[in-house]
Amino acid sequence: MNAEVPDFEESEIEQATAWLEKLTRDPMADAVLGMARIVAIDDISGRGRYREYRIDLSAEGPGIPPTAVEQRLVFDSRTPPRPGTRLPARVSVSDPQVVEVVWDAQPR
């Protein structure tokens, strides 16, 4: 399954960030714009308005086959991400386990 290129443009700040990542040899220096699909989400903290979740993703991009990735993140418990949601993401070519998801792109 090929990743569709999301309708998402890099801002000048994101371009500057990419340049700095290359300069500092950050793992995201070779990242490409791709997609991340939420496969599963588990509430691992169980209490409070803001909770820690374990999120299983499938990340892919140009030249990167779908790769299973696990992240632990904090979200408002009233609006956690939903399985099946596809979001734009930057995926490292050299290490597809390194992914930055654009969580602000979640449907409300």
C-alpha atoms as a PDB file:
ATOM      1  CA  MET A   1       0.000   0.000   0.000  1.00  0.00           C
ATOM      2  CA  ASN A   2       1.510   3.310  -1.052  1.00  0.00           C
ATOM      3  CA  ALA A   3       1.306   6.314   1.219  1.00  0.00           C
ATOM      4  CA  GLU A   4      -0.718   9.161  -0.146  1.00  0.00           C
ATOM      5  CA  VAL A   5       1.060  12.476   0.058  1.00  0.00           C
ATOM      6  CA  PRO A   6      -0.949  14.495   2.572  1.00  0.00           C
ATOM      7  CA  ASP A   7      -2.287  17.945   1.781  1.00  0.00           C
ATOM      8  CA  PHE A   8       0.191  19.603   4.111  1.00  0.00           C
ATOM      9  CA  GLU A   9       2.825  22.238   3.258  1.00  0.00           C
ATOM     10  CA  GLU A  10       6.008  22.825   5.193  1.00  0.00           C
ATOM     11  CA  SER A  11       6.273  26.309   6.658  1.00  0.00           C
ATOM     12  CA  GLU A  12       9.487  28.333   6.658  1.00  0.00           C
ATOM     13  CA  ILE A  13       9.924  27.420  10.327  1.00  0.00           C
ATOM     14  CA  GLU A  14       9.641  23.710   9.502  1.00  0.00           C
ATOM     15  CA  GLN A  15      12.162  24.157   6.680  1.00  0.00           C
ATOM     16  CA  ALA A  16      14.563  25.905   9.090  1.00  0.00           C
ATOM     17  CA  THR A  17      14.028  23.097  11.595  1.00  0.00           C
ATOM     18  CA  ALA A  18      14.922  20.534   8.920  1.00  0.00           C
ATOM     19  CA  TRP A  19      18.138  22.447   8.154  1.00  0.00           C
ATOM     20  CA  LEU A  20      19.099  22.511  11.849  1.00  0.00           C
ATOM     21  CA  GLU A  21      18.349  18.796  12.178  1.00  0.00           C
ATOM     22  CA  LYS A  22      20.771  18.066   9.336  1.00  0.00           C
ATOM     23  CA  LEU A  23      23.397  20.320  10.894  1.00  0.00           C
ATOM     24  CA  THR A  24      23.103  18.611  14.305  1.00  0.00           C
ATOM     25  CA  ARG A  25      22.728  15.089  12.861  1.00  0.00           C
ATOM     26  CA  ASP A  26      19.292  14.676  14.375  1.00  0.00           C
ATOM     27  CA  PRO A  27      17.561  11.352  13.521  1.00  0.00           C
ATOM     28  CA  MET A  28      14.834  13.388  11.794  1.00  0.00           C
ATOM     29  CA  ALA A  29      17.339  15.036   9.432  1.00  0.00           C
ATOM     30  CA  ASP A  30      16.407  12.686   6.574  1.00  0.00           C
ATOM     31  CA  ALA A  31      12.683  12.621   7.368  1.00  0.00           C
ATOM     32  CA  VAL A  32      10.141  12.704   4.565  1.00  0.00           C
ATOM     33  CA  LEU A  33       6.517  13.749   4.661  1.00  0.00           C
ATOM     34  CA  GLY A  34       4.308  10.691   4.974  1.00  0.00           C
ATOM     35  CA  MET A  35       1.339   9.377   6.911  1.00  0.00           C
ATOM     36  CA  ALA A  36       0.705   7.716  10.248  1.00  0.00           C
ATOM     37  CA  ARG A  37      -2.385   5.617  10.883  1.00  0.00           C
ATOM     38  CA  ILE A  38      -3.486   4.974  14.455  1.00  0.00           C
ATOM     39  CA  VAL A  39      -3.791   1.197  14.815  1.00  0.00           C
ATOM     40  CA  ALA A  40      -4.604   1.016  18.537  1.00  0.00           C
ATOM     41  CA  ILE A  41      -4.652   3.248  21.602  1.00  0.00           C
ATOM     42  CA  ASP A  42      -4.521   2.210  25.264  1.00  0.00           C
ATOM     43  CA  ASP A  43      -5.098   4.476  28.267  1.00  0.00           C
ATOM     44  CA  ILE A  44      -2.204   3.493  30.512  1.00  0.00           C
ATOM     45  CA  SER A  45      -2.627   6.082  33.261  1.00  0.00           C
ATOM     46  CA  GLY A  46      -6.379   5.710  33.822  1.00  0.00           C
ATOM     47  CA  ARG A  47      -6.974   8.870  35.831  1.00  0.00           C
ATOM     48  CA  GLY A  48      -7.312  12.610  35.403  1.00  0.00           C
ATOM     49  CA  ARG A  49      -8.285  14.869  32.550  1.00  0.00           C
ATOM     50  CA  TYR A  50      -4.905  14.554  30.834  1.00  0.00           C
ATOM     51  CA  ARG A  51      -3.832  10.953  30.490  1.00  0.00           C
ATOM     52  CA  GLU A  52      -0.893   9.051  29.117  1.00  0.00           C
ATOM     53  CA  TYR A  53      -1.748   6.780  26.203  1.00  0.00           C
ATOM     54  CA  ARG A  54       0.216   4.076  24.423  1.00  0.00           C
ATOM     55  CA  ILE A  55      -0.436   4.525  20.722  1.00  0.00           C
ATOM     56  CA  ASP A  56       0.378   1.899  18.094  1.00  0.00           C
ATOM     57  CA  LEU A  57       0.933   3.494  14.698  1.00  0.00           C
ATOM     58  CA  SER A  58       1.618   2.342  11.179  1.00  0.00           C
ATOM     59  CA  ALA A  59       3.903   4.958   9.623  1.00  0.00           C
ATOM     60  CA  GLU A  60       4.868   5.142   5.959  1.00  0.00           C
ATOM     61  CA  GLY A  61       6.199   7.549   3.402  1.00  0.00           C
ATOM     62  CA  PRO A  62       7.895   7.723   0.016  1.00  0.00           C
ATOM     63  CA  GLY A  63      10.328   4.812  -0.059  1.00  0.00           C
ATOM     64  CA  ILE A  64       9.282   3.683   3.443  1.00  0.00           C
ATOM     65  CA  PRO A  65       7.023   0.623   3.733  1.00  0.00           C
ATOM     66  CA  PRO A  66       4.371   0.605   6.485  1.00  0.00           C
ATOM     67  CA  THR A  67       6.272   0.348   9.759  1.00  0.00           C
ATOM     68  CA  ALA A  68       4.863  -0.439  13.216  1.00  0.00           C
ATOM     69  CA  VAL A  69       5.702   2.301  15.735  1.00  0.00           C
ATOM     70  CA  GLU A  70       4.751   2.670  19.396  1.00  0.00           C
ATOM     71  CA  GLN A  71       4.543   6.076  21.074  1.00  0.00           C
ATOM     72  CA  ARG A  72       3.534   7.150  24.574  1.00  0.00           C
ATOM     73  CA  LEU A  73       1.868  10.546  24.665  1.00  0.00           C
ATOM     74  CA  VAL A  74      -0.421  12.635  26.837  1.00  0.00           C
ATOM     75  CA  PHE A  75      -3.824  13.765  25.533  1.00  0.00           C
ATOM     76  CA  ASP A  76      -6.958  15.332  26.951  1.00  0.00           C
ATOM     77  CA  SER A  77      -9.053  12.316  27.999  1.00  0.00           C
ATOM     78  CA  ARG A  78     -12.165  13.907  26.471  1.00  0.00           C
ATOM     79  CA  THR A  79     -10.648  13.892  22.972  1.00  0.00           C
ATOM     80  CA  PRO A  80      -8.081  11.111  22.608  1.00  0.00           C
ATOM     81  CA  PRO A  81      -6.996  10.046  19.120  1.00  0.00           C
ATOM     82  CA  ARG A  82      -9.139   7.350  17.510  1.00  0.00           C
ATOM     83  CA  PRO A  83      -7.983   4.133  15.861  1.00  0.00           C
ATOM     84  CA  GLY A  84      -8.146   4.294  12.084  1.00  0.00           C
ATOM     85  CA  THR A  85      -7.333   8.011  11.947  1.00  0.00           C
ATOM     86  CA  ARG A  86      -4.691   8.906   9.353  1.00  0.00           C
ATOM     87  CA  LEU A  87      -2.532  11.943  10.034  1.00  0.00           C
ATOM     88  CA  PRO A  88       0.365  13.641   8.255  1.00  0.00           C
ATOM     89  CA  ALA A  89       3.725  12.746   9.759  1.00  0.00           C
ATOM     90  CA  ARG A  90       7.430  13.148   9.213  1.00  0.00           C
ATOM     91  CA  VAL A  91       9.102   9.733   9.025  1.00  0.00           C
ATOM     92  CA  SER A  92      12.853   9.159   9.205  1.00  0.00           C
ATOM     93  CA  VAL A  93      14.158   7.314   6.134  1.00  0.00           C
ATOM     94  CA  SER A  94      17.151   5.870   8.009  1.00  0.00           C
ATOM     95  CA  ASP A  95      15.049   4.808  11.031  1.00  0.00           C
ATOM     96  CA  PRO A  96      11.291   4.586  10.297  1.00  0.00           C
ATOM     97  CA  GLN A  97      10.680   4.060  14.048  1.00  0.00           C
ATOM     98  CA  VAL A  98      11.402   7.793  14.447  1.00  0.00           C
ATOM     99  CA  VAL A  99       8.148   9.578  13.603  1.00  0.00           C
ATOM    100  CA  GLU A 100       6.723  13.037  14.277  1.00  0.00           C
ATOM    101  CA  VAL A 101       2.958  12.982  13.872  1.00  0.00           C
ATOM    102  CA  VAL A 102       1.055  16.218  13.204  1.00  0.00           C
ATOM    103  CA  TRP A 103      -1.411  15.644  16.046  1.00  0.00           C
ATOM    104  CA  ASP A 104      -3.038  19.053  15.474  1.00  0.00           C
ATOM    105  CA  ALA A 105      -4.431  17.659  12.213  1.00  0.00           C
ATOM    106  CA  GLN A 106      -6.808  15.337  14.138  1.00  0.00           C
ATOM    107  CA  PRO A 107     -10.467  15.768  13.288  1.00  0.00           C
ATOM    108  CA  ARG A 108     -12.396  17.341  16.142  1.00  0.00           C
END
